[in-house]
Amino acid sequence: MLKKEVLRRKKDFNRIYGKGKSVGEKYVVLFSLKNGLGYNRMAFLASKKVGNSVQRNRARRLMKESFRNICEDLPEGYDIILIARSSIKEKKCSEVEASMKNAFRRMGLRRVRG
């Protein structure tokens, strides 16, 4: 993931939380909003409810790897925030990936590949 593709500013987060759409799934919560750019900007979050630092970092790694596997199916021009739920602990990458695919499909962002 390139540096320009990472969400960092509080202003951007507040805009996405305030004006964007959200979808909750078993292991992740997805927020998205159009950004008017030619690329997606991402943020992967895990709160202290997920667990200690090792568990939070693992949750973020799981979400990043799952996103890497499905990112070619997504349209360009969105700001996306993925938040780990506490149920993500002890899950495999394939389970998290399925949950993320379902969240993107419910959000209407996943293109069907033929």
C-alpha atoms as a PDB file:
ATOM      1  CA  MET A   1       0.000   0.000   0.000  1.00  0.00           C
ATOM      2  CA  LEU A   2       1.432   3.338  -1.048  1.00  0.00           C
ATOM      3  CA  LYS A   3       1.744   6.247   1.356  1.00  0.00           C
ATOM      4  CA  LYS A   4      -0.916   8.300  -0.471  1.00  0.00           C
ATOM      5  CA  GLU A   5      -3.387   5.416  -0.079  1.00  0.00           C
ATOM      6  CA  VAL A   6      -3.418   5.574   3.731  1.00  0.00           C
ATOM      7  CA  LEU A   7      -5.946   7.684   5.643  1.00  0.00           C
ATOM      8  CA  ARG A   8      -4.295   9.663   8.423  1.00  0.00           C
ATOM      9  CA  ARG A   9      -5.993  13.004   9.060  1.00  0.00           C
ATOM     10  CA  LYS A  10      -8.704  13.357  11.690  1.00  0.00           C
ATOM     11  CA  LYS A  11     -10.669  15.576   9.291  1.00  0.00           C
ATOM     12  CA  ASP A  12     -10.917  12.698   6.794  1.00  0.00           C
ATOM     13  CA  PHE A  13     -12.013  10.223   9.463  1.00  0.00           C
ATOM     14  CA  ASN A  14     -14.698  12.587  10.782  1.00  0.00           C
ATOM     15  CA  ARG A  15     -15.988  13.185   7.241  1.00  0.00           C
ATOM     16  CA  ILE A  16     -16.254   9.441   6.544  1.00  0.00           C
ATOM     17  CA  TYR A  17     -17.904   8.700   9.897  1.00  0.00           C
ATOM     18  CA  GLY A  18     -20.328  11.612   9.453  1.00  0.00           C
ATOM     19  CA  LYS A  19     -21.292  11.392   5.780  1.00  0.00           C
ATOM     20  CA  GLY A  20     -20.315   7.868   4.769  1.00  0.00           C
ATOM     21  CA  LYS A  21     -22.217   4.599   4.801  1.00  0.00           C
ATOM     22  CA  SER A  22     -21.470   1.746   7.180  1.00  0.00           C
ATOM     23  CA  VAL A  23     -22.006  -2.000   7.147  1.00  0.00           C
ATOM     24  CA  GLY A  24     -21.378  -4.375  10.031  1.00  0.00           C
ATOM     25  CA  GLU A  25     -20.275  -7.956   9.505  1.00  0.00           C
ATOM     26  CA  LYS A  26     -19.247 -10.784  11.813  1.00  0.00           C
ATOM     27  CA  TYR A  27     -15.567  -9.799  12.044  1.00  0.00           C
ATOM     28  CA  VAL A  28     -15.356  -6.259  10.600  1.00  0.00           C
ATOM     29  CA  VAL A  29     -17.243  -2.974  10.331  1.00  0.00           C
ATOM     30  CA  LEU A  30     -16.874  -1.149   7.016  1.00  0.00           C
ATOM     31  CA  PHE A  31     -17.248   2.610   6.464  1.00  0.00           C
ATOM     32  CA  SER A  32     -16.958   4.092   2.972  1.00  0.00           C
ATOM     33  CA  LEU A  33     -17.399   7.397   1.163  1.00  0.00           C
ATOM     34  CA  LYS A  34     -16.520   8.600  -2.328  1.00  0.00           C
ATOM     35  CA  ASN A  35     -13.340  10.683  -2.309  1.00  0.00           C
ATOM     36  CA  GLY A  36     -13.217  12.124  -5.846  1.00  0.00           C
ATOM     37  CA  LEU A  37      -9.709  10.763  -6.419  1.00  0.00           C
ATOM     38  CA  GLY A  38      -8.553   8.112  -8.872  1.00  0.00           C
ATOM     39  CA  TYR A  39      -7.527   5.715  -6.118  1.00  0.00           C
ATOM     40  CA  ASN A  40      -8.812   4.267  -2.853  1.00  0.00           C
ATOM     41  CA  ARG A  41      -7.568   5.442   0.530  1.00  0.00           C
ATOM     42  CA  MET A  42      -7.654   2.933   3.381  1.00  0.00           C
ATOM     43  CA  ALA A  43      -7.456   2.678   7.151  1.00  0.00           C
ATOM     44  CA  PHE A  44      -7.361  -0.529   9.187  1.00  0.00           C
ATOM     45  CA  LEU A  45      -8.313  -0.066  12.848  1.00  0.00           C
ATOM     46  CA  ALA A  46      -8.474  -2.300  15.901  1.00  0.00           C
ATOM     47  CA  SER A  47      -9.505  -0.863  19.263  1.00  0.00           C
ATOM     48  CA  LYS A  48      -8.424  -2.055  22.683  1.00  0.00           C
ATOM     49  CA  LYS A  49     -11.650  -4.086  22.845  1.00  0.00           C
ATOM     50  CA  VAL A  50      -9.985  -6.501  20.404  1.00  0.00           C
ATOM     51  CA  GLY A  51      -7.271  -7.319  22.939  1.00  0.00           C
ATOM     52  CA  ASN A  52      -3.668  -6.550  23.731  1.00  0.00           C
ATOM     53  CA  SER A  53      -1.222  -5.100  21.196  1.00  0.00           C
ATOM     54  CA  VAL A  54      -0.323  -8.498  19.770  1.00  0.00           C
ATOM     55  CA  GLN A  55      -3.978  -9.327  19.075  1.00  0.00           C
ATOM     56  CA  ARG A  56      -4.697  -5.861  17.652  1.00  0.00           C
ATOM     57  CA  ASN A  57      -1.713  -6.057  15.311  1.00  0.00           C
ATOM     58  CA  ARG A  58      -2.726  -9.539  14.193  1.00  0.00           C
ATOM     59  CA  ALA A  59      -6.267  -8.282  13.500  1.00  0.00           C
ATOM     60  CA  ARG A  60      -4.879  -5.453  11.352  1.00  0.00           C
ATOM     61  CA  ARG A  61      -2.578  -7.869   9.500  1.00  0.00           C
ATOM     62  CA  LEU A  62      -5.511 -10.205   8.830  1.00  0.00           C
ATOM     63  CA  MET A  63      -7.599  -7.340   7.451  1.00  0.00           C
ATOM     64  CA  LYS A  64      -4.735  -6.027   5.280  1.00  0.00           C
ATOM     65  CA  GLU A  65      -4.020  -9.457   3.796  1.00  0.00           C
ATOM     66  CA  SER A  66      -7.711 -10.099   3.170  1.00  0.00           C
ATOM     67  CA  PHE A  67      -8.037  -6.696   1.518  1.00  0.00           C
ATOM     68  CA  ARG A  68      -4.990  -7.391  -0.646  1.00  0.00           C
ATOM     69  CA  ASN A  69      -6.710 -10.553  -1.923  1.00  0.00           C
ATOM     70  CA  ILE A  70      -9.957  -8.780  -2.863  1.00  0.00           C
ATOM     71  CA  CYS A  71      -8.818  -5.249  -3.800  1.00  0.00           C
ATOM     72  CA  GLU A  72      -8.896  -5.886  -7.577  1.00  0.00           C
ATOM     73  CA  ASP A  73     -12.668  -6.453  -7.305  1.00  0.00           C
ATOM     74  CA  LEU A  74     -13.275  -2.967  -5.872  1.00  0.00           C
ATOM     75  CA  PRO A  75     -13.956   0.250  -7.813  1.00  0.00           C
ATOM     76  CA  GLU A  76     -11.580   3.206  -7.497  1.00  0.00           C
ATOM     77  CA  GLY A  77     -12.265   6.525  -5.792  1.00  0.00           C
ATOM     78  CA  TYR A  78     -13.370   5.607  -2.263  1.00  0.00           C
ATOM     79  CA  ASP A  79     -12.182   6.288   1.267  1.00  0.00           C
ATOM     80  CA  ILE A  80     -12.557   3.038   3.212  1.00  0.00           C
ATOM     81  CA  ILE A  81     -12.218   2.388   6.937  1.00  0.00           C
ATOM     82  CA  LEU A  82     -12.186  -1.208   8.178  1.00  0.00           C
ATOM     83  CA  ILE A  83     -12.589  -1.699  11.924  1.00  0.00           C
ATOM     84  CA  ALA A  84     -11.912  -5.067  13.561  1.00  0.00           C
ATOM     85  CA  ARG A  85     -14.528  -6.485  15.905  1.00  0.00           C
ATOM     86  CA  SER A  86     -13.503  -8.405  19.008  1.00  0.00           C
ATOM     87  CA  SER A  87     -14.801 -11.609  17.345  1.00  0.00           C
ATOM     88  CA  ILE A  88     -11.823 -11.487  14.918  1.00  0.00           C
ATOM     89  CA  LYS A  89      -9.541 -13.063  17.544  1.00  0.00           C
ATOM     90  CA  GLU A  90      -8.331 -16.599  16.724  1.00  0.00           C
ATOM     91  CA  LYS A  91      -9.840 -16.471  13.205  1.00  0.00           C
ATOM     92  CA  LYS A  92      -8.158 -17.539   9.999  1.00  0.00           C
ATOM     93  CA  CYS A  93      -7.481 -15.225   7.076  1.00  0.00           C
ATOM     94  CA  SER A  94     -10.046 -17.027   4.887  1.00  0.00           C
ATOM     95  CA  GLU A  95     -12.817 -16.363   7.432  1.00  0.00           C
ATOM     96  CA  VAL A  96     -11.926 -12.669   7.669  1.00  0.00           C
ATOM     97  CA  GLU A  97     -11.705 -12.438   3.873  1.00  0.00           C
ATOM     98  CA  ALA A  98     -15.194 -13.948   3.480  1.00  0.00           C
ATOM     99  CA  SER A  99     -16.574 -11.471   6.017  1.00  0.00           C
ATOM    100  CA  MET A 100     -14.920  -8.546   4.201  1.00  0.00           C
ATOM    101  CA  LYS A 101     -16.207  -9.734   0.798  1.00  0.00           C
ATOM    102  CA  ASN A 102     -19.713  -9.877   2.213  1.00  0.00           C
ATOM    103  CA  ALA A 103     -19.370  -6.387   3.727  1.00  0.00           C
ATOM    104  CA  PHE A 104     -18.170  -4.903   0.409  1.00  0.00           C
ATOM    105  CA  ARG A 105     -20.952  -6.721  -1.462  1.00  0.00           C
ATOM    106  CA  ARG A 106     -23.588  -5.383   0.961  1.00  0.00           C
ATOM    107  CA  MET A 107     -22.109  -1.898   0.603  1.00  0.00           C
ATOM    108  CA  GLY A 108     -22.431  -2.195  -3.185  1.00  0.00           C
ATOM    109  CA  LEU A 109     -18.710  -1.766  -3.810  1.00  0.00           C
ATOM    110  CA  ARG A 110     -17.767  -5.242  -4.995  1.00  0.00           C
ATOM    111  CA  ARG A 111     -17.729  -5.838  -8.732  1.00  0.00           C
ATOM    112  CA  VAL A 112     -18.839  -9.276  -9.877  1.00  0.00           C
ATOM    113  CA  ARG A 113     -16.090 -10.934 -11.867  1.00  0.00           C
ATOM    114  CA  GLY A 114     -17.114 -13.204 -14.676  1.00  0.00           C
END
